[in-house]
PDB file of N, CA and C in Angstrom:
ATOM      1  N   MET A   1      95.362  76.688  92.362  1.00  0.00           N
ATOM      2  CA  MET A   1      95.729  77.863  93.120  1.00  0.00           C
ATOM      3  C   MET A   1      95.868  79.078  92.227  1.00  0.00           C
ATOM      4  N   ALA A   2      96.411  78.869  91.027  1.00  0.00           N
ATOM      5  CA  ALA A   2      96.604  79.990  90.107  1.00  0.00           C
ATOM      6  C   ALA A   2      95.261  80.566  89.673  1.00  0.00           C
ATOM      7  N   GLN A   3      94.257  79.692  89.538  1.00  0.00           N
ATOM      8  CA  GLN A   3      92.936  80.176  89.142  1.00  0.00           C
ATOM      9  C   GLN A   3      92.330  81.048  90.229  1.00  0.00           C
ATOM     10  N   ILE A   4      92.501  80.643  91.477  1.00  0.00           N
ATOM     11  CA  ILE A   4      91.975  81.428  92.595  1.00  0.00           C
ATOM     12  C   ILE A   4      92.661  82.782  92.644  1.00  0.00           C
ATOM     13  N   ALA A   5      93.962  82.801  92.442  1.00  0.00           N
ATOM     14  CA  ALA A   5      94.695  84.069  92.442  1.00  0.00           C
ATOM     15  C   ALA A   5      94.224  84.965  91.306  1.00  0.00           C
ATOM     16  N   ALA A   6      93.971  84.378  90.148  1.00  0.00           N
ATOM     17  CA  ALA A   6      93.494  85.169  89.008  1.00  0.00           C
ATOM     18  C   ALA A   6      92.116  85.752  89.289  1.00  0.00           C
ATOM     19  N   VAL A   7      91.251  84.952  89.903  1.00  0.00           N
ATOM     20  CA  VAL A   7      89.912  85.446  90.246  1.00  0.00           C
ATOM     21  C   VAL A   7      90.016  86.573  91.263  1.00  0.00           C
ATOM     22  N   MET A   8      90.887  86.425  92.243  1.00  0.00           N
ATOM     23  CA  MET A   8      91.039  87.463  93.266  1.00  0.00           C
ATOM     24  C   MET A   8      91.623  88.741  92.661  1.00  0.00           C
ATOM     25  N   GLN A   9      92.550  88.619  91.725  1.00  0.00           N
ATOM     26  CA  GLN A   9      93.081  89.810  91.052  1.00  0.00           C
ATOM     27  C   GLN A   9      91.981  90.508  90.261  1.00  0.00           C
ATOM     28  N   PHE A  10      91.137  89.725  89.606  1.00  0.00           N
ATOM     29  CA  PHE A  10      90.018  90.302  88.867  1.00  0.00           C
ATOM     30  C   PHE A  10      89.079  91.034  89.819  1.00  0.00           C
ATOM     31  N   MET A  11      88.794  90.418  90.966  1.00  0.00           N
ATOM     32  CA  MET A  11      87.894  91.037  91.942  1.00  0.00           C
ATOM     33  C   MET A  11      88.476  92.338  92.484  1.00  0.00           C
ATOM     34  N   GLU A  12      89.796  92.407  92.604  1.00  0.00           N
ATOM     35  CA  GLU A  12      90.432  93.636  93.082  1.00  0.00           C
ATOM     36  C   GLU A  12      90.222  94.780  92.100  1.00  0.00           C
ATOM     37  N   ARG A  13      90.158  94.471  90.817  1.00  0.00           N
ATOM     38  CA  ARG A  13      90.043  95.509  89.784  1.00  0.00           C
ATOM     39  C   ARG A  13      88.613  95.987  89.572  1.00  0.00           C
ATOM     40  N   VAL A  14      87.627  95.189  89.972  1.00  0.00           N
ATOM     41  CA  VAL A  14      86.222  95.542  89.748  1.00  0.00           C
ATOM     42  C   VAL A  14      85.652  96.106  91.046  1.00  0.00           C
ATOM     43  N   PRO A  15      85.312  97.400  91.051  1.00  0.00           N
ATOM     44  CA  PRO A  15      84.827  98.018  92.289  1.00  0.00           C
ATOM     45  C   PRO A  15      83.616  97.314  92.894  1.00  0.00           C
ATOM     46  N   ALA A  16      82.717  96.809  92.074  1.00  0.00           N
ATOM     47  CA  ALA A  16      81.517  96.160  92.592  1.00  0.00           C
ATOM     48  C   ALA A  16      81.835  94.851  93.314  1.00  0.00           C
ATOM     49  N   LEU A  17      82.999  94.266  93.050  1.00  0.00           N
ATOM     50  CA  LEU A  17      83.357  92.985  93.662  1.00  0.00           C
ATOM     51  C   LEU A  17      84.313  93.128  94.838  1.00  0.00           C
ATOM     52  N   GLN A  18      84.763  94.329  95.128  1.00  0.00           N
ATOM     53  CA  GLN A  18      85.757  94.515  96.185  1.00  0.00           C
ATOM     54  C   GLN A  18      85.198  94.170  97.564  1.00  0.00           C
ATOM     55  N   ARG A  19      83.922  94.466  97.793  1.00  0.00           N
ATOM     56  CA  ARG A  19      83.326  94.126  99.087  1.00  0.00           C
ATOM     57  C   ARG A  19      83.280  92.609  99.273  1.00  0.00           C
ATOM     58  N   ALA A  20      82.918  91.897  98.212  1.00  0.00           N
ATOM     59  CA  ALA A  20      82.891  90.433  98.283  1.00  0.00           C
ATOM     60  C   ALA A  20      84.296  89.883  98.484  1.00  0.00           C
ATOM     61  N   LEU A  21      85.287  90.504  97.849  1.00  0.00           N
ATOM     62  CA  LEU A  21      86.673  90.070  98.013  1.00  0.00           C
ATOM     63  C   LEU A  21      87.112  90.223  99.468  1.00  0.00           C
ATOM     64  N   LYS A  22      86.755  91.323 100.101  1.00  0.00           N
ATOM     65  CA  LYS A  22      87.119  91.529 101.510  1.00  0.00           C
ATOM     66  C   LYS A  22      86.488  90.464 102.391  1.00  0.00           C
ATOM     67  N   ARG A  23      85.248  90.076 102.072  1.00  0.00           N
ATOM     68  CA  ARG A  23      84.593  89.020 102.855  1.00  0.00           C
ATOM     69  C   ARG A  23      85.342  87.700 102.702  1.00  0.00           C
ATOM     70  N   VAL A  24      85.768  87.400 101.478  1.00  0.00           N
ATOM     71  CA  VAL A  24      86.496  86.153 101.227  1.00  0.00           C
ATOM     72  C   VAL A  24      87.841  86.181 101.938  1.00  0.00           C
ATOM     73  N   GLN A  25      88.552  87.311 101.848  1.00  0.00           N
ATOM     74  CA  GLN A  25      89.871  87.420 102.466  1.00  0.00           C
ATOM     75  C   GLN A  25      89.801  87.355 103.987  1.00  0.00           C
ATOM     76  N   SER A  26      88.722  87.872 104.574  1.00  0.00           N
ATOM     77  CA  SER A  26      88.603  87.849 106.034  1.00  0.00           C
ATOM     78  C   SER A  26      88.079  86.518 106.547  1.00  0.00           C
ATOM     79  N   GLY A  27      87.713  85.616 105.642  1.00  0.00           N
ATOM     80  CA  GLY A  27      87.259  84.294 106.063  1.00  0.00           C
ATOM     81  C   GLY A  27      85.774  84.226 106.342  1.00  0.00           C
ATOM     82  N   GLN A  28      85.047  85.297 106.088  1.00  0.00           N
ATOM     83  CA  GLN A  28      83.607  85.257 106.302  1.00  0.00           C
ATOM     84  C   GLN A  28      82.975  84.337 105.267  1.00  0.00           C
ATOM     85  N   ALA A  29      81.969  83.654 105.698  1.00  0.00           N
ATOM     86  CA  ALA A  29      81.278  82.747 104.790  1.00  0.00           C
ATOM     87  C   ALA A  29      80.472  83.554 103.780  1.00  0.00           C
ATOM     88  N   ALA A  30      80.337  83.001 102.616  1.00  0.00           N
ATOM     89  CA  ALA A  30      79.495  83.631 101.601  1.00  0.00           C
ATOM     90  C   ALA A  30      78.044  83.532 102.042  1.00  0.00           C
ATOM     91  N   ALA A  31      77.199  84.264 101.390  1.00  0.00           N
ATOM     92  CA  ALA A  31      75.783  84.238 101.730  1.00  0.00           C
ATOM     93  C   ALA A  31      75.229  82.833 101.510  1.00  0.00           C
ATOM     94  N   SER A  32      74.335  82.440 102.394  1.00  0.00           N
ATOM     95  CA  SER A  32      73.720  81.117 102.275  1.00  0.00           C
ATOM     96  C   SER A  32      72.719  81.129 101.123  1.00  0.00           C
ATOM     97  N   PRO A  33      72.352  79.955 100.646  1.00  0.00           N
ATOM     98  CA  PRO A  33      71.350  79.905  99.571  1.00  0.00           C
ATOM     99  C   PRO A  33      70.039  80.592  99.964  1.00  0.00           C
ATOM    100  N   GLN A  34      69.660  80.479 101.236  1.00  0.00           N
ATOM    101  CA  GLN A  34      68.428  81.138 101.700  1.00  0.00           C
ATOM    102  C   GLN A  34      68.576  82.653 101.633  1.00  0.00           C
ATOM    103  N   GLU A  35      69.755  83.166 102.041  1.00  0.00           N
ATOM    104  CA  GLU A  35      69.993  84.612 101.968  1.00  0.00           C
ATOM    105  C   GLU A  35      69.980  85.090 100.519  1.00  0.00           C
ATOM    106  N   ILE A  36      70.562  84.312  99.638  1.00  0.00           N
ATOM    107  CA  ILE A  36      70.569  84.676  98.216  1.00  0.00           C
ATOM    108  C   ILE A  36      69.146  84.677  97.669  1.00  0.00           C
ATOM    109  N   ALA A  37      68.339  83.692  98.052  1.00  0.00           N
ATOM    110  CA  ALA A  37      66.945  83.643  97.601  1.00  0.00           C
ATOM    111  C   ALA A  37      66.170  84.857  98.112  1.00  0.00           C
ATOM    112  N   ASN A  38      66.420  85.235  99.375  1.00  0.00           N
ATOM    113  CA  ASN A  38      65.750  86.417  99.927  1.00  0.00           C
ATOM    114  C   ASN A  38      66.163  87.684  99.179  1.00  0.00           C
ATOM    115  N   MET A  39      67.464  87.798  98.874  1.00  0.00           N
ATOM    116  CA  MET A  39      67.933  88.969  98.124  1.00  0.00           C
ATOM    117  C   MET A  39      67.313  88.995  96.730  1.00  0.00           C
ATOM    118  N   ALA A  40      67.222  87.841  96.087  1.00  0.00           N
ATOM    119  CA  ALA A  40      66.626  87.776  94.748  1.00  0.00           C
ATOM    120  C   ALA A  40      65.164  88.205  94.802  1.00  0.00           C
ATOM    121  N   ARG A  41      64.456  87.789  95.844  1.00  0.00           N
ATOM    122  CA  ARG A  41      63.054  88.179  96.009  1.00  0.00           C
ATOM    123  C   ARG A  41      62.938  89.693  96.189  1.00  0.00           C
ATOM    124  N   LYS A  42      63.844  90.274  96.989  1.00  0.00           N
ATOM    125  CA  LYS A  42      63.828  91.723  97.195  1.00  0.00           C
ATOM    126  C   LYS A  42      64.105  92.465  95.888  1.00  0.00           C
ATOM    127  N   VAL A  43      65.053  91.957  95.112  1.00  0.00           N
ATOM    128  CA  VAL A  43      65.367  92.591  93.824  1.00  0.00           C
ATOM    129  C   VAL A  43      64.156  92.528  92.904  1.00  0.00           C
ATOM    130  N   GLN A  44      63.466  91.393  92.866  1.00  0.00           N
ATOM    131  CA  GLN A  44      62.278  91.270  92.022  1.00  0.00           C
ATOM    132  C   GLN A  44      61.190  92.242  92.464  1.00  0.00           C
ATOM    133  N   ASP A  45      61.017  92.391  93.785  1.00  0.00           N
ATOM    134  CA  ASP A  45      60.026  93.348  94.286  1.00  0.00           C
ATOM    135  C   ASP A  45      60.386  94.770  93.883  1.00  0.00           C
ATOM    136  N   LEU A  46      61.677  95.114  93.989  1.00  0.00           N
ATOM    137  CA  LEU A  46      62.111  96.457  93.595  1.00  0.00           C
ATOM    138  C   LEU A  46      61.930  96.678  92.097  1.00  0.00           C
ATOM    139  N   GLN A  47      62.202  95.652  91.295  1.00  0.00           N
ATOM    140  CA  GLN A  47      61.994  95.775  89.849  1.00  0.00           C
ATOM    141  C   GLN A  47      60.524  96.013  89.541  1.00  0.00           C
ATOM    142  N   ALA A  48      59.645  95.314  90.251  1.00  0.00           N
ATOM    143  CA  ALA A  48      58.209  95.515  90.046  1.00  0.00           C
ATOM    144  C   ALA A  48      57.811  96.933  90.438  1.00  0.00           C
ATOM    145  N   ASP A  49      58.360  97.435  91.544  1.00  0.00           N
ATOM    146  CA  ASP A  49      58.066  98.809  91.968  1.00  0.00           C
ATOM    147  C   ASP A  49      58.514  99.816  90.915  1.00  0.00           C
ATOM    148  N   ILE A  50      59.699  99.612  90.358  1.00  0.00           N
ATOM    149  CA  ILE A  50      60.212 100.525  89.329  1.00  0.00           C
ATOM    150  C   ILE A  50      59.319 100.475  88.094  1.00  0.00           C
ATOM    151  N   LEU A  51      58.897  99.288  87.689  1.00  0.00           N
ATOM    152  CA  LEU A  51      58.032  99.158  86.524  1.00  0.00           C
ATOM    153  C   LEU A  51      56.714  99.894  86.745  1.00  0.00           C
ATOM    154  N   VAL A  52      56.107  99.715  87.907  1.00  0.00           N
ATOM    155  CA  VAL A  52      54.845 100.398  88.207  1.00  0.00           C
ATOM    156  C   VAL A  52      55.050 101.908  88.219  1.00  0.00           C
ATOM    157  N   GLN A  53      56.139 102.367  88.827  1.00  0.00           N
ATOM    158  CA  GLN A  53      56.417 103.801  88.880  1.00  0.00           C
ATOM    159  C   GLN A  53      56.579 104.380  87.476  1.00  0.00           C
ATOM    160  N   ARG A  54      57.288 103.686  86.620  1.00  0.00           N
ATOM    161  CA  ARG A  54      57.479 104.176  85.248  1.00  0.00           C
ATOM    162  C   ARG A  54      56.169 104.171  84.475  1.00  0.00           C
ATOM    163  N   MET A  55      55.346 103.164  84.700  1.00  0.00           N
ATOM    164  CA  MET A  55      54.056 103.115  84.014  1.00  0.00           C
ATOM    165  C   MET A  55      53.167 104.265  84.466  1.00  0.00           C
ATOM    166  N   LEU A  56      53.216 104.598  85.755  1.00  0.00           N
ATOM    167  CA  LEU A  56      52.386 105.678  86.274  1.00  0.00           C
ATOM    168  C   LEU A  56      52.852 107.044  85.793  1.00  0.00           C
ATOM    169  N   THR A  57      54.141 107.225  85.581  1.00  0.00           N
ATOM    170  CA  THR A  57      54.660 108.527  85.160  1.00  0.00           C
ATOM    171  C   THR A  57      54.774 108.650  83.645  1.00  0.00           C
ATOM    172  N   PHE A  58      54.424 107.603  82.903  1.00  0.00           N
ATOM    173  CA  PHE A  58      54.520 107.652  81.445  1.00  0.00           C
ATOM    174  C   PHE A  58      53.615 108.733  80.865  1.00  0.00           C
ATOM    175  N   GLY A  59      52.399 108.852  81.396  1.00  0.00           N
ATOM    176  CA  GLY A  59      51.463 109.862  80.906  1.00  0.00           C
ATOM    177  C   GLY A  59      52.001 111.267  81.067  1.00  0.00           C
ATOM    178  N   GLU A  60      52.681 111.534  82.176  1.00  0.00           N
ATOM    179  CA  GLU A  60      53.265 112.857  82.397  1.00  0.00           C
ATOM    180  C   GLU A  60      54.356 113.144  81.373  1.00  0.00           C
ATOM    181  N   ALA A  61      55.125 112.143  81.032  1.00  0.00           N
ATOM    182  CA  ALA A  61      56.201 112.337  80.060  1.00  0.00           C
ATOM    183  C   ALA A  61      55.641 112.606  78.671  1.00  0.00           C
ATOM    184  N   VAL A  62      54.519 111.989  78.352  1.00  0.00           N
ATOM    185  CA  VAL A  62      53.930 112.135  77.025  1.00  0.00           C
ATOM    186  C   VAL A  62      53.192 113.466  76.875  1.00  0.00           C
ATOM    187  N   LYS A  63      52.745 114.053  77.979  1.00  0.00           N
ATOM    188  CA  LYS A  63      51.985 115.306  77.912  1.00  0.00           C
ATOM    189  C   LYS A  63      52.769 116.430  77.246  1.00  0.00           C
ATOM    190  N   GLY A  64      54.075 116.469  77.409  1.00  0.00           N
ATOM    191  CA  GLY A  64      54.879 117.546  76.859  1.00  0.00           C
ATOM    192  C   GLY A  64      55.218 117.399  75.386  1.00  0.00           C
ATOM    193  N   VAL A  65      54.887 116.271  74.785  1.00  0.00           N
ATOM    194  CA  VAL A  65      55.275 116.023  73.394  1.00  0.00           C
ATOM    195  C   VAL A  65      54.667 117.034  72.417  1.00  0.00           C
ATOM    196  N   PRO A  66      53.377 117.365  72.490  1.00  0.00           N
ATOM    197  CA  PRO A  66      52.833 118.327  71.519  1.00  0.00           C
ATOM    198  C   PRO A  66      53.537 119.687  71.559  1.00  0.00           C
ATOM    199  N   GLU A  67      53.855 120.173  72.760  1.00  0.00           N
ATOM    200  CA  GLU A  67      54.557 121.455  72.863  1.00  0.00           C
ATOM    201  C   GLU A  67      55.960 121.360  72.268  1.00  0.00           C
ATOM    202  N   GLU A  68      56.630 120.251  72.521  1.00  0.00           N
ATOM    203  CA  GLU A  68      57.974 120.079  71.971  1.00  0.00           C
ATOM    204  C   GLU A  68      57.939 119.997  70.449  1.00  0.00           C
ATOM    205  N   LEU A  69      56.959 119.294  69.911  1.00  0.00           N
ATOM    206  CA  LEU A  69      56.839 119.205  68.456  1.00  0.00           C
ATOM    207  C   LEU A  69      56.550 120.574  67.843  1.00  0.00           C
ATOM    208  N   ALA A  70      55.698 121.366  68.506  1.00  0.00           N
ATOM    209  CA  ALA A  70      55.411 122.714  68.009  1.00  0.00           C
ATOM    210  C   ALA A  70      56.674 123.565  68.028  1.00  0.00           C
ATOM    211  N   SER A  71      57.475 123.423  69.069  1.00  0.00           N
ATOM    212  CA  SER A  71      58.728 124.176  69.165  1.00  0.00           C
ATOM    213  C   SER A  71      59.687 123.781  68.046  1.00  0.00           C
ATOM    214  N   VAL A  72      59.800 122.487  67.785  1.00  0.00           N
ATOM    215  CA  VAL A  72      60.680 122.014  66.709  1.00  0.00           C
ATOM    216  C   VAL A  72      60.172 122.522  65.363  1.00  0.00           C
ATOM    217  N   ARG A  73      58.860 122.475  65.164  1.00  0.00           N
ATOM    218  CA  ARG A  73      58.272 122.956  63.913  1.00  0.00           C
ATOM    219  C   ARG A  73      58.582 124.443  63.704  1.00  0.00           C
ATOM    220  N   ASP A  74      58.468 125.249  64.762  1.00  0.00           N
ATOM    221  CA  ASP A  74      58.776 126.682  64.666  1.00  0.00           C
ATOM    222  C   ASP A  74      60.248 126.908  64.331  1.00  0.00           C
ATOM    223  N   LYS A  75      61.123 126.126  64.936  1.00  0.00           N
ATOM    224  CA  LYS A  75      62.557 126.291  64.679  1.00  0.00           C
ATOM    225  C   LYS A  75      62.906 125.912  63.244  1.00  0.00           C
ATOM    226  N   ILE A  76      62.271 124.874  62.738  1.00  0.00           N
ATOM    227  CA  ILE A  76      62.533 124.472  61.356  1.00  0.00           C
ATOM    228  C   ILE A  76      61.989 125.521  60.385  1.00  0.00           C
ATOM    229  N   ALA A  77      60.863 126.147  60.749  1.00  0.00           N
ATOM    230  CA  ALA A  77      60.271 127.164  59.879  1.00  0.00           C
ATOM    231  C   ALA A  77      61.145 128.416  59.804  1.00  0.00           C
ATOM    232  N   ASN A  78      61.917 128.709  60.852  1.00  0.00           N
ATOM    233  CA  ASN A  78      62.785 129.893  60.896  1.00  0.00           C
ATOM    234  C   ASN A  78      64.236 129.469  61.127  1.00  0.00           C
ATOM    235  N   PRO A  79      64.888 128.856  60.149  1.00  0.00           N
ATOM    236  CA  PRO A  79      66.240 128.331  60.378  1.00  0.00           C
ATOM    237  C   PRO A  79      67.291 129.415  60.619  1.00  0.00           C
ATOM    238  N   LEU A  80      67.056 130.629  60.152  1.00  0.00           N
ATOM    239  CA  LEU A  80      68.055 131.687  60.343  1.00  0.00           C
ATOM    240  C   LEU A  80      68.113 132.169  61.785  1.00  0.00           C
ATOM    241  N   LYS A  81      67.101 131.844  62.579  1.00  0.00           N
ATOM    242  CA  LYS A  81      67.079 132.258  63.984  1.00  0.00           C
ATOM    243  C   LYS A  81      67.737 131.222  64.904  1.00  0.00           C
ATOM    244  N   LEU A  82      68.184 130.124  64.340  1.00  0.00           N
ATOM    245  CA  LEU A  82      68.808 129.080  65.152  1.00  0.00           C
ATOM    246  C   LEU A  82      70.212 129.491  65.571  1.00  0.00           C
ATOM    247  N   THR A  83      70.582 129.103  66.784  1.00  0.00           N
ATOM    248  CA  THR A  83      71.945 129.344  67.250  1.00  0.00           C
ATOM    249  C   THR A  83      72.828 128.179  66.808  1.00  0.00           C
ATOM    250  N   VAL A  84      74.126 128.376  66.906  1.00  0.00           N
ATOM    251  CA  VAL A  84      75.064 127.311  66.550  1.00  0.00           C
ATOM    252  C   VAL A  84      74.848 126.106  67.461  1.00  0.00           C
ATOM    253  N   ARG A  85      74.588 126.362  68.722  1.00  0.00           N
ATOM    254  CA  ARG A  85      74.352 125.276  69.674  1.00  0.00           C
ATOM    255  C   ARG A  85      73.126 124.451  69.272  1.00  0.00           C
ATOM    256  N   GLN A  86      72.040 125.128  68.876  1.00  0.00           N
ATOM    257  CA  GLN A  86      70.831 124.412  68.471  1.00  0.00           C
ATOM    258  C   GLN A  86      71.080 123.571  67.218  1.00  0.00           C
ATOM    259  N   VAL A  87      71.840 124.110  66.280  1.00  0.00           N
ATOM    260  CA  VAL A  87      72.170 123.349  65.071  1.00  0.00           C
ATOM    261  C   VAL A  87      73.013 122.128  65.437  1.00  0.00           C
ATOM    262  N   ALA A  88      73.978 122.320  66.338  1.00  0.00           N
ATOM    263  CA  ALA A  88      74.829 121.202  66.762  1.00  0.00           C
ATOM    264  C   ALA A  88      74.003 120.137  67.476  1.00  0.00           C
ATOM    265  N   GLU A  89      73.096 120.566  68.359  1.00  0.00           N
ATOM    266  CA  GLU A  89      72.247 119.601  69.061  1.00  0.00           C
ATOM    267  C   GLU A  89      71.358 118.845  68.072  1.00  0.00           C
ATOM    268  N   GLY A  90      70.823 119.559  67.088  1.00  0.00           N
ATOM    269  CA  GLY A  90      70.008 118.906  66.064  1.00  0.00           C
ATOM    270  C   GLY A  90      70.811 117.900  65.262  1.00  0.00           C
ATOM    271  N   ALA A  91      72.060 118.251  64.959  1.00  0.00           N
ATOM    272  CA  ALA A  91      72.921 117.329  64.215  1.00  0.00           C
ATOM    273  C   ALA A  91      73.203 116.076  65.033  1.00  0.00           C
ATOM    274  N   VAL A  92      73.433 116.247  66.323  1.00  0.00           N
ATOM    275  CA  VAL A  92      73.689 115.087  67.191  1.00  0.00           C
ATOM    276  C   VAL A  92      72.467 114.176  67.225  1.00  0.00           C
ATOM    277  N   VAL A  93      71.281 114.765  67.359  1.00  0.00           N
ATOM    278  CA  VAL A  93      70.053 113.965  67.377  1.00  0.00           C
ATOM    279  C   VAL A  93      69.870 113.241  66.045  1.00  0.00           C
ATOM    280  N   ALA A  94      70.145 113.932  64.941  1.00  0.00           N
ATOM    281  CA  ALA A  94      70.014 113.305  63.620  1.00  0.00           C
ATOM    282  C   ALA A  94      70.973 112.126  63.473  1.00  0.00           C
ATOM    283  N   VAL A  95      72.200 112.283  63.955  1.00  0.00           N
ATOM    284  CA  VAL A  95      73.177 111.187  63.883  1.00  0.00           C
ATOM    285  C   VAL A  95      72.726 110.016  64.753  1.00  0.00           C
ATOM    286  N   GLN A  96      72.159 110.316  65.930  1.00  0.00           N
ATOM    287  CA  GLN A  96      71.666 109.245  66.793  1.00  0.00           C
ATOM    288  C   GLN A  96      70.525 108.485  66.122  1.00  0.00           C
ATOM    289  N   ILE A  97      69.595 109.216  65.528  1.00  0.00           N
ATOM    290  CA  ILE A  97      68.470 108.565  64.853  1.00  0.00           C
ATOM    291  C   ILE A  97      68.979 107.697  63.704  1.00  0.00           C
ATOM    292  N   PHE A  98      69.898 108.232  62.916  1.00  0.00           N
ATOM    293  CA  PHE A  98      70.460 107.460  61.807  1.00  0.00           C
ATOM    294  C   PHE A  98      71.190 106.217  62.325  1.00  0.00           C
ATOM    295  N   GLY A  99      71.925 106.372  63.421  1.00  0.00           N
ATOM    296  CA  GLY A  99      72.643 105.234  64.000  1.00  0.00           C
ATOM    297  C   GLY A  99      71.698 104.143  64.462  1.00  0.00           C
ATOM    298  N   PHE A 100      70.613 104.533  65.147  1.00  0.00           N
ATOM    299  CA  PHE A 100      69.644 103.533  65.589  1.00  0.00           C
ATOM    300  C   PHE A 100      68.966 102.868  64.395  1.00  0.00           C
ATOM    301  N   PHE A 101      68.710 103.642  63.335  1.00  0.00           N
ATOM    302  CA  PHE A 101      68.146 103.057  62.123  1.00  0.00           C
ATOM    303  C   PHE A 101      69.094 102.002  61.557  1.00  0.00           C
ATOM    304  N   CYS A 102      70.380 102.341  61.476  1.00  0.00           N
ATOM    305  CA  CYS A 102      71.370 101.399  60.930  1.00  0.00           C
ATOM    306  C   CYS A 102      71.468 100.144  61.788  1.00  0.00           C
ATOM    307  N   ILE A 103      71.456 100.315  63.096  1.00  0.00           N
ATOM    308  CA  ILE A 103      71.509  99.150  63.989  1.00  0.00           C
ATOM    309  C   ILE A 103      70.266  98.290  63.798  1.00  0.00           C
ATOM    310  N   GLY A 104      69.099  98.928  63.660  1.00  0.00           N
ATOM    311  CA  GLY A 104      67.868  98.180  63.409  1.00  0.00           C
ATOM    312  C   GLY A 104      67.927  97.404  62.109  1.00  0.00           C
ATOM    313  N   GLU A 105      68.516  98.013  61.091  1.00  0.00           N
ATOM    314  CA  GLU A 105      68.676  97.310  59.817  1.00  0.00           C
ATOM    315  C   GLU A 105      69.588  96.094  59.978  1.00  0.00           C
ATOM    316  N   MET A 106      70.675  96.254  60.714  1.00  0.00           N
ATOM    317  CA  MET A 106      71.599  95.134  60.923  1.00  0.00           C
ATOM    318  C   MET A 106      70.923  94.007  61.691  1.00  0.00           C
ATOM    319  N   VAL A 107      70.141  94.378  62.697  1.00  0.00           N
ATOM    320  CA  VAL A 107      69.429  93.358  63.469  1.00  0.00           C
ATOM    321  C   VAL A 107      68.420  92.648  62.573  1.00  0.00           C
ATOM    322  N   GLY A 108      67.707  93.421  61.758  1.00  0.00           N
ATOM    323  CA  GLY A 108      66.716  92.825  60.865  1.00  0.00           C
ATOM    324  C   GLY A 108      67.332  91.904  59.833  1.00  0.00           C
ATOM    325  N   ARG A 109      68.493  92.279  59.318  1.00  0.00           N
ATOM    326  CA  ARG A 109      69.177  91.449  58.318  1.00  0.00           C
ATOM    327  C   ARG A 109      69.909  90.284  58.958  1.00  0.00           C
ATOM    328  N   ARG A 110      70.206  90.434  60.245  1.00  0.00           N
ATOM    329  CA  ARG A 110      71.037  89.468  60.971  1.00  0.00           C
ATOM    330  C   ARG A 110      72.424  89.385  60.359  1.00  0.00           C
ATOM    331  N   HIS A 111      72.867  90.498  59.825  1.00  0.00           N
ATOM    332  CA  HIS A 111      74.172  90.569  59.190  1.00  0.00           C
ATOM    333  C   HIS A 111      74.580  92.029  59.156  1.00  0.00           C
ATOM    334  N   VAL A 112      75.856  92.314  59.306  1.00  0.00           N
ATOM    335  CA  VAL A 112      76.308  93.700  59.341  1.00  0.00           C
ATOM    336  C   VAL A 112      76.277  94.325  57.956  1.00  0.00           C
ATOM    337  N   ILE A 113      76.711  93.591  56.951  1.00  0.00           N
ATOM    338  CA  ILE A 113      76.807  94.148  55.602  1.00  0.00           C
ATOM    339  C   ILE A 113      75.949  93.321  54.663  1.00  0.00           C
ATOM    340  N   GLY A 114      75.016  93.945  53.982  1.00  0.00           N
ATOM    341  CA  GLY A 114      74.227  93.288  52.945  1.00  0.00           C
ATOM    342  C   GLY A 114      73.267  92.250  53.475  1.00  0.00           C
ATOM    343  N   TYR A 115      72.546  91.667  52.568  1.00  0.00           N
ATOM    344  CA  TYR A 115      71.592  90.626  52.888  1.00  0.00           C
ATOM    345  C   TYR A 115      72.161  89.282  52.464  1.00  0.00           C
ATOM    346  N   THR A 116      71.799  88.246  53.185  1.00  0.00           N
ATOM    347  CA  THR A 116      72.205  86.910  52.769  1.00  0.00           C
ATOM    348  C   THR A 116      71.235  86.452  51.689  1.00  0.00           C
ATOM    349  N   THR A 117      71.761  85.973  50.593  1.00  0.00           N
ATOM    350  CA  THR A 117      70.926  85.526  49.479  1.00  0.00           C
ATOM    351  C   THR A 117      71.269  84.083  49.156  1.00  0.00           C
ATOM    352  N   PRO A 118      70.300  83.352  48.616  1.00  0.00           N
ATOM    353  CA  PRO A 118      70.605  81.973  48.226  1.00  0.00           C
ATOM    354  C   PRO A 118      71.561  81.972  47.044  1.00  0.00           C
ATOM    355  N   GLU A 119      72.280  80.907  46.911  1.00  0.00           N
ATOM    356  CA  GLU A 119      73.223  80.775  45.797  1.00  0.00           C
ATOM    357  C   GLU A 119      72.460  80.830  44.480  1.00  0.00           C
ATOM    358  N   GLN A 120      73.022  81.543  43.516  1.00  0.00           N
ATOM    359  CA  GLN A 120      72.388  81.647  42.206  1.00  0.00           C
ATOM    360  C   GLN A 120      72.840  80.482  41.336  1.00  0.00           C
ATOM    361  N   PRO A 121      71.982  80.051  40.414  1.00  0.00           N
ATOM    362  CA  PRO A 121      72.411  79.011  39.469  1.00  0.00           C
ATOM    363  C   PRO A 121      73.585  79.517  38.638  1.00  0.00           C
ATOM    364  N   SER A 122      74.388  78.612  38.151  1.00  0.00           N
ATOM    365  CA  SER A 122      75.602  79.005  37.424  1.00  0.00           C
ATOM    366  C   SER A 122      75.277  79.805  36.176  1.00  0.00           C
ATOM    367  N   SER A 123      74.145  79.551  35.506  1.00  0.00           N
ATOM    368  CA  SER A 123      73.805  80.302  34.292  1.00  0.00           C
ATOM    369  C   SER A 123      73.478  81.751  34.632  1.00  0.00           C
ATOM    370  N   ALA A 124      72.809  81.984  35.754  1.00  0.00           N
ATOM    371  CA  ALA A 124      72.479  83.352  36.147  1.00  0.00           C
ATOM    372  C   ALA A 124      73.732  84.087  36.589  1.00  0.00           C
ATOM    373  N   ALA A 125      74.656  83.395  37.230  1.00  0.00           N
ATOM    374  CA  ALA A 125      75.887  84.035  37.691  1.00  0.00           C
ATOM    375  C   ALA A 125      76.751  84.433  36.511  1.00  0.00           C
ATOM    376  N   SER A 126      76.747  83.629  35.464  1.00  0.00           N
ATOM    377  CA  SER A 126      77.585  83.958  34.313  1.00  0.00           C
ATOM    378  C   SER A 126      76.966  85.054  33.459  1.00  0.00           C
ATOM    379  N   HIS A 127      75.673  85.300  33.638  1.00  0.00           N
ATOM    380  CA  HIS A 127      74.987  86.340  32.872  1.00  0.00           C
ATOM    381  C   HIS A 127      75.527  87.718  33.224  1.00  0.00           C
ATOM    382  N   HIS A 128      75.859  87.955  34.470  1.00  0.00           N
ATOM    383  CA  HIS A 128      76.339  89.268  34.907  1.00  0.00           C
ATOM    384  C   HIS A 128      77.793  89.187  35.044  1.00  0.00           C
TER     385      HIS A 128
END
């Protein structure tokens, strides 16, 4: 009983689960396996639609890249004409790029700090 109460308290705190909690509290039956399968099929169809839509609009998103690069090149060539806001935005982008680089390094190393190395022989360890 305590587990059920804990689950219901959790459901009360999560907005996405409140509708399901009301169904449980009112005694309505949960969705049948067939209904769940139908919903899963609909979700898969919607995911496919989103993927196709993004693939079709990818070319439009890429078309603006040369103009944006030219704009960035002009701004870098004339740094005294930059506003404080533009410098701040550039700094934020630089920090984001550096952060993603660091995360990529951690993923590649499979370790947060340093690389894992095999144990060195005792003679090599005593050398340093």
